[in-house]
PDB file of N, CA and C in Angstrom:
ATOM      1  N   UNK A   1      42.183  -5.193  -0.928  1.00  0.00           N
ATOM      2  CA  UNK A   1      40.547  -5.177  -0.973  1.00  0.00           C
ATOM      3  C   UNK A   1      40.237  -6.603  -1.608  1.00  0.00           C
ATOM      4  N   UNK A   2      39.115  -7.157  -1.289  1.00  0.00           N
ATOM      5  CA  UNK A   2      38.629  -8.094  -2.243  1.00  0.00           C
ATOM      6  C   UNK A   2      38.132  -7.616  -3.697  1.00  0.00           C
ATOM      7  N   UNK A   3      38.253  -8.568  -4.528  1.00  0.00           N
ATOM      8  CA  UNK A   3      37.747  -8.467  -5.570  1.00  0.00           C
ATOM      9  C   UNK A   3      36.134  -8.094  -5.645  1.00  0.00           C
ATOM     10  N   UNK A   4      35.899  -7.360  -6.569  1.00  0.00           N
ATOM     11  CA  UNK A   4      34.494  -6.481  -6.412  1.00  0.00           C
ATOM     12  C   UNK A   4      33.860  -6.825  -7.816  1.00  0.00           C
ATOM     13  N   UNK A   5      32.655  -7.439  -7.894  1.00  0.00           N
ATOM     14  CA  UNK A   5      31.845  -7.547  -8.867  1.00  0.00           C
ATOM     15  C   UNK A   5      30.887  -6.771  -9.434  1.00  0.00           C
ATOM     16  N   UNK A   6      30.739  -6.264 -10.547  1.00  0.00           N
ATOM     17  CA  UNK A   6      29.634  -4.994 -10.435  1.00  0.00           C
ATOM     18  C   UNK A   6      28.996  -5.527 -11.722  1.00  0.00           C
ATOM     19  N   UNK A   7      27.635  -5.056 -11.438  1.00  0.00           N
ATOM     20  CA  UNK A   7      26.374  -5.452 -12.499  1.00  0.00           C
ATOM     21  C   UNK A   7      25.775  -4.402 -12.747  1.00  0.00           C
ATOM     22  N   UNK A   8      25.652  -3.860 -14.151  1.00  0.00           N
ATOM     23  CA  UNK A   8      25.086  -2.828 -14.651  1.00  0.00           C
ATOM     24  C   UNK A   8      23.763  -3.359 -15.612  1.00  0.00           C
ATOM     25  N   UNK A   9      22.750  -2.627 -15.501  1.00  0.00           N
ATOM     26  CA  UNK A   9      21.592  -2.876 -16.435  1.00  0.00           C
ATOM     27  C   UNK A   9      20.675  -1.804 -16.420  1.00  0.00           C
ATOM     28  N   UNK A  10      19.639  -2.020 -17.333  1.00  0.00           N
ATOM     29  CA  UNK A  10      18.904  -0.747 -17.723  1.00  0.00           C
ATOM     30  C   UNK A  10      17.809  -0.900 -16.615  1.00  0.00           C
ATOM     31  N   UNK A  11      17.468  -1.779 -15.847  1.00  0.00           N
ATOM     32  CA  UNK A  11      16.175  -1.756 -15.052  1.00  0.00           C
ATOM     33  C   UNK A  11      16.707  -2.407 -13.682  1.00  0.00           C
ATOM     34  N   UNK A  12      16.010  -1.944 -12.767  1.00  0.00           N
ATOM     35  CA  UNK A  12      16.145  -2.489 -11.141  1.00  0.00           C
ATOM     36  C   UNK A  12      16.098  -4.149 -11.353  1.00  0.00           C
ATOM     37  N   UNK A  13      15.429  -4.533 -11.859  1.00  0.00           N
ATOM     38  CA  UNK A  13      14.566  -5.819 -11.824  1.00  0.00           C
ATOM     39  C   UNK A  13      15.996  -6.733 -12.691  1.00  0.00           C
ATOM     40  N   UNK A  14      16.380  -6.432 -13.742  1.00  0.00           N
ATOM     41  CA  UNK A  14      17.188  -7.221 -14.301  1.00  0.00           C
ATOM     42  C   UNK A  14      18.771  -7.099 -13.789  1.00  0.00           C
ATOM     43  N   UNK A  15      18.971  -5.622 -13.049  1.00  0.00           N
ATOM     44  CA  UNK A  15      20.193  -5.941 -12.114  1.00  0.00           C
ATOM     45  C   UNK A  15      20.240  -6.732 -11.190  1.00  0.00           C
ATOM     46  N   UNK A  16      18.998  -6.670 -10.488  1.00  0.00           N
ATOM     47  CA  UNK A  16      18.579  -7.546  -9.116  1.00  0.00           C
ATOM     48  C   UNK A  16      18.950  -9.096  -9.629  1.00  0.00           C
ATOM     49  N   UNK A  17      18.044  -9.587 -10.689  1.00  0.00           N
ATOM     50  CA  UNK A  17      18.378 -10.670 -11.152  1.00  0.00           C
ATOM     51  C   UNK A  17      19.493 -11.465 -11.567  1.00  0.00           C
ATOM     52  N   UNK A  18      20.243 -10.369 -12.046  1.00  0.00           N
ATOM     53  CA  UNK A  18      21.555 -11.096 -12.352  1.00  0.00           C
ATOM     54  C   UNK A  18      22.432 -11.324 -11.190  1.00  0.00           C
ATOM     55  N   UNK A  19      22.488 -10.158 -10.443  1.00  0.00           N
ATOM     56  CA  UNK A  19      23.418 -10.261  -9.364  1.00  0.00           C
ATOM     57  C   UNK A  19      22.881 -11.570  -8.273  1.00  0.00           C
ATOM     58  N   UNK A  20      21.611 -11.586  -8.261  1.00  0.00           N
ATOM     59  CA  UNK A  20      21.228 -13.151  -7.446  1.00  0.00           C
ATOM     60  C   UNK A  20      21.982 -14.012  -8.282  1.00  0.00           C
ATOM     61  N   UNK A  21      21.753 -14.251  -9.553  1.00  0.00           N
ATOM     62  CA  UNK A  21      22.370 -15.327 -10.200  1.00  0.00           C
ATOM     63  C   UNK A  21      23.824 -15.686  -9.933  1.00  0.00           C
ATOM     64  N   UNK A  22      24.472 -14.368 -10.117  1.00  0.00           N
ATOM     65  CA  UNK A  22      25.928 -14.386  -9.984  1.00  0.00           C
ATOM     66  C   UNK A  22      25.935 -14.976  -8.454  1.00  0.00           C
ATOM     67  N   UNK A  23      25.347 -14.435  -7.449  1.00  0.00           N
ATOM     68  CA  UNK A  23      26.089 -14.817  -6.094  1.00  0.00           C
ATOM     69  C   UNK A  23      25.401 -16.289  -5.793  1.00  0.00           C
ATOM     70  N   UNK A  24      24.542 -16.778  -6.663  1.00  0.00           N
ATOM     71  CA  UNK A  24      24.160 -18.177  -6.223  1.00  0.00           C
ATOM     72  C   UNK A  24      25.149 -19.004  -7.179  1.00  0.00           C
ATOM     73  N   UNK A  25      25.473 -18.847  -8.339  1.00  0.00           N
ATOM     74  CA  UNK A  25      26.470 -19.707  -9.144  1.00  0.00           C
ATOM     75  C   UNK A  25      27.990 -19.318  -8.439  1.00  0.00           C
ATOM     76  N   UNK A  26      28.157 -18.238  -8.080  1.00  0.00           N
ATOM     77  CA  UNK A  26      29.954 -18.208  -7.551  1.00  0.00           C
ATOM     78  C   UNK A  26      29.928 -17.898  -6.439  1.00  0.00           C
ATOM     79  N   UNK A  27      28.834 -18.345  -5.456  1.00  0.00           N
ATOM     80  CA  UNK A  27      29.279 -18.189  -3.956  1.00  0.00           C
ATOM     81  C   UNK A  27      29.689 -16.575  -3.516  1.00  0.00           C
ATOM     82  N   UNK A  28      29.004 -15.598  -4.361  1.00  0.00           N
ATOM     83  CA  UNK A  28      29.369 -14.077  -3.729  1.00  0.00           C
ATOM     84  C   UNK A  28      28.367 -13.953  -2.842  1.00  0.00           C
ATOM     85  N   UNK A  29      28.863 -12.209  -2.200  1.00  0.00           N
ATOM     86  CA  UNK A  29      27.967 -11.730  -1.434  1.00  0.00           C
ATOM     87  C   UNK A  29      27.844 -10.443  -1.659  1.00  0.00           C
ATOM     88  N   UNK A  30      26.286 -10.173  -1.936  1.00  0.00           N
ATOM     89  CA  UNK A  30      25.875  -8.932  -2.382  1.00  0.00           C
ATOM     90  C   UNK A  30      26.340  -7.761  -1.218  1.00  0.00           C
ATOM     91  N   UNK A  31      27.444  -6.724  -1.902  1.00  0.00           N
ATOM     92  CA  UNK A  31      27.764  -5.515  -1.028  1.00  0.00           C
ATOM     93  C   UNK A  31      26.901  -4.354  -1.307  1.00  0.00           C
ATOM     94  N   UNK A  32      26.440  -4.048  -2.364  1.00  0.00           N
ATOM     95  CA  UNK A  32      25.755  -3.005  -2.513  1.00  0.00           C
ATOM     96  C   UNK A  32      24.399  -3.495  -3.642  1.00  0.00           C
ATOM     97  N   UNK A  33      23.247  -3.401  -2.867  1.00  0.00           N
ATOM     98  CA  UNK A  33      22.259  -3.685  -3.652  1.00  0.00           C
ATOM     99  C   UNK A  33      21.819  -2.846  -4.910  1.00  0.00           C
ATOM    100  N   UNK A  34      20.936  -3.198  -5.604  1.00  0.00           N
ATOM    101  CA  UNK A  34      20.601  -2.225  -7.057  1.00  0.00           C
ATOM    102  C   UNK A  34      20.198  -0.906  -6.717  1.00  0.00           C
ATOM    103  N   UNK A  35      21.003   0.016  -7.193  1.00  0.00           N
ATOM    104  CA  UNK A  35      20.770   1.534  -7.160  1.00  0.00           C
ATOM    105  C   UNK A  35      21.061   2.166  -8.465  1.00  0.00           C
ATOM    106  N   UNK A  36      20.069   3.342  -8.459  1.00  0.00           N
ATOM    107  CA  UNK A  36      20.845   4.209  -9.691  1.00  0.00           C
ATOM    108  C   UNK A  36      22.006   4.737  -9.493  1.00  0.00           C
ATOM    109  N   UNK A  37      22.543   4.463 -10.831  1.00  0.00           N
ATOM    110  CA  UNK A  37      24.034   4.926 -11.002  1.00  0.00           C
ATOM    111  C   UNK A  37      24.049   6.623 -11.356  1.00  0.00           C
ATOM    112  N   UNK A  38      24.559   7.081 -10.652  1.00  0.00           N
ATOM    113  CA  UNK A  38      24.605   8.937 -11.085  1.00  0.00           C
ATOM    114  C   UNK A  38      24.769   9.168 -12.341  1.00  0.00           C
ATOM    115  N   UNK A  39      23.834   9.790 -13.011  1.00  0.00           N
ATOM    116  CA  UNK A  39      24.678  10.203 -14.128  1.00  0.00           C
ATOM    117  C   UNK A  39      24.325   9.441 -15.665  1.00  0.00           C
ATOM    118  N   UNK A  40      23.825   8.021 -15.201  1.00  0.00           N
ATOM    119  CA  UNK A  40      23.850   7.231 -16.400  1.00  0.00           C
ATOM    120  C   UNK A  40      22.296   6.739 -16.462  1.00  0.00           C
ATOM    121  N   UNK A  41      21.419   6.811 -15.675  1.00  0.00           N
ATOM    122  CA  UNK A  41      19.984   6.359 -15.811  1.00  0.00           C
ATOM    123  C   UNK A  41      20.134   4.878 -15.970  1.00  0.00           C
ATOM    124  N   UNK A  42      21.267   4.306 -15.489  1.00  0.00           N
ATOM    125  CA  UNK A  42      21.148   2.742 -15.253  1.00  0.00           C
ATOM    126  C   UNK A  42      21.121   2.591 -13.760  1.00  0.00           C
ATOM    127  N   UNK A  43      21.020   1.119 -13.520  1.00  0.00           N
ATOM    128  CA  UNK A  43      21.315   0.521 -12.359  1.00  0.00           C
ATOM    129  C   UNK A  43      22.287  -0.080 -12.019  1.00  0.00           C
ATOM    130  N   UNK A  44      22.892  -0.232 -10.802  1.00  0.00           N
ATOM    131  CA  UNK A  44      24.299  -1.036 -10.527  1.00  0.00           C
ATOM    132  C   UNK A  44      24.147  -1.575  -9.359  1.00  0.00           C
ATOM    133  N   UNK A  45      24.858  -2.630  -9.159  1.00  0.00           N
ATOM    134  CA  UNK A  45      24.805  -3.316  -7.590  1.00  0.00           C
ATOM    135  C   UNK A  45      26.229  -4.043  -7.925  1.00  0.00           C
ATOM    136  N   UNK A  46      26.599  -4.439  -6.606  1.00  0.00           N
ATOM    137  CA  UNK A  46      28.055  -5.102  -6.485  1.00  0.00           C
ATOM    138  C   UNK A  46      28.067  -6.283  -5.631  1.00  0.00           C
ATOM    139  N   UNK A  47      28.929  -7.122  -5.734  1.00  0.00           N
ATOM    140  CA  UNK A  47      29.143  -8.491  -4.822  1.00  0.00           C
ATOM    141  C   UNK A  47      30.732  -8.547  -4.575  1.00  0.00           C
ATOM    142  N   UNK A  48      31.011  -9.381  -3.642  1.00  0.00           N
ATOM    143  CA  UNK A  48      32.401  -9.471  -3.439  1.00  0.00           C
ATOM    144  C   UNK A  48      32.533 -11.156  -3.001  1.00  0.00           C
ATOM    145  N   UNK A  49      33.596 -12.064  -3.226  1.00  0.00           N
ATOM    146  CA  UNK A  49      33.778 -13.100  -2.844  1.00  0.00           C
ATOM    147  C   UNK A  49      33.158 -13.574  -1.599  1.00  0.00           C
ATOM    148  N   UNK A  50      32.695 -14.632  -1.202  1.00  0.00           N
ATOM    149  CA  UNK A  50      32.399 -14.849  -0.078  1.00  0.00           C
ATOM    150  C   UNK A  50      33.314 -15.110   1.230  1.00  0.00           C
ATOM    151  N   UNK A  51      33.455 -14.624   2.563  1.00  0.00           N
ATOM    152  CA  UNK A  51      34.584 -14.902   3.407  1.00  0.00           C
ATOM    153  C   UNK A  51      35.079 -16.114   3.357  1.00  0.00           C
ATOM    154  N   UNK A  52      36.347 -16.270   3.460  1.00  0.00           N
ATOM    155  CA  UNK A  52      36.836 -17.734   3.480  1.00  0.00           C
ATOM    156  C   UNK A  52      37.003 -18.347   1.804  1.00  0.00           C
ATOM    157  N   UNK A  53      36.349 -17.812   0.929  1.00  0.00           N
ATOM    158  CA  UNK A  53      36.542 -18.357  -0.204  1.00  0.00           C
ATOM    159  C   UNK A  53      37.657 -18.422  -1.144  1.00  0.00           C
ATOM    160  N   UNK A  54      38.255 -19.490  -1.316  1.00  0.00           N
ATOM    161  CA  UNK A  54      39.753 -19.133  -2.186  1.00  0.00           C
ATOM    162  C   UNK A  54      39.601 -18.622  -3.516  1.00  0.00           C
ATOM    163  N   UNK A  55      40.264 -17.424  -3.721  1.00  0.00           N
ATOM    164  CA  UNK A  55      40.148 -16.790  -5.242  1.00  0.00           C
ATOM    165  C   UNK A  55      41.795 -16.675  -5.342  1.00  0.00           C
ATOM    166  N   UNK A  56      42.015 -17.218  -6.342  1.00  0.00           N
ATOM    167  CA  UNK A  56      43.517 -17.028  -7.014  1.00  0.00           C
ATOM    168  C   UNK A  56      44.537 -17.495  -6.067  1.00  0.00           C
ATOM    169  N   UNK A  57      44.320 -18.395  -5.227  1.00  0.00           N
ATOM    170  CA  UNK A  57      45.196 -18.925  -4.372  1.00  0.00           C
ATOM    171  C   UNK A  57      45.291 -18.197  -3.023  1.00  0.00           C
ATOM    172  N   UNK A  58      44.368 -17.295  -3.019  1.00  0.00           N
ATOM    173  CA  UNK A  58      44.280 -16.725  -1.697  1.00  0.00           C
ATOM    174  C   UNK A  58      42.957 -16.844  -0.993  1.00  0.00           C
ATOM    175  N   UNK A  59      43.056 -16.795   0.298  1.00  0.00           N
ATOM    176  CA  UNK A  59      41.694 -16.810   1.060  1.00  0.00           C
ATOM    177  C   UNK A  59      41.462 -15.017   1.362  1.00  0.00           C
ATOM    178  N   UNK A  60      39.932 -15.042   0.987  1.00  0.00           N
ATOM    179  CA  UNK A  60      39.735 -13.735   1.318  1.00  0.00           C
ATOM    180  C   UNK A  60      38.561 -13.548   2.500  1.00  0.00           C
TER     181      UNK A  60
END
């Protein structure tokens, strides 16, 4: 399984903006758009390395 990057924030806007910035800066691909995290009243989103990107000496 590829490495998964998770963003948690208090608002949908903050979560989306942070995920967009990380995807742009690190060539990540969004895998889970911002959604409410069950039971925490926070927003969560996820991204993974882009296909073909070398991560720690391996190709994802």
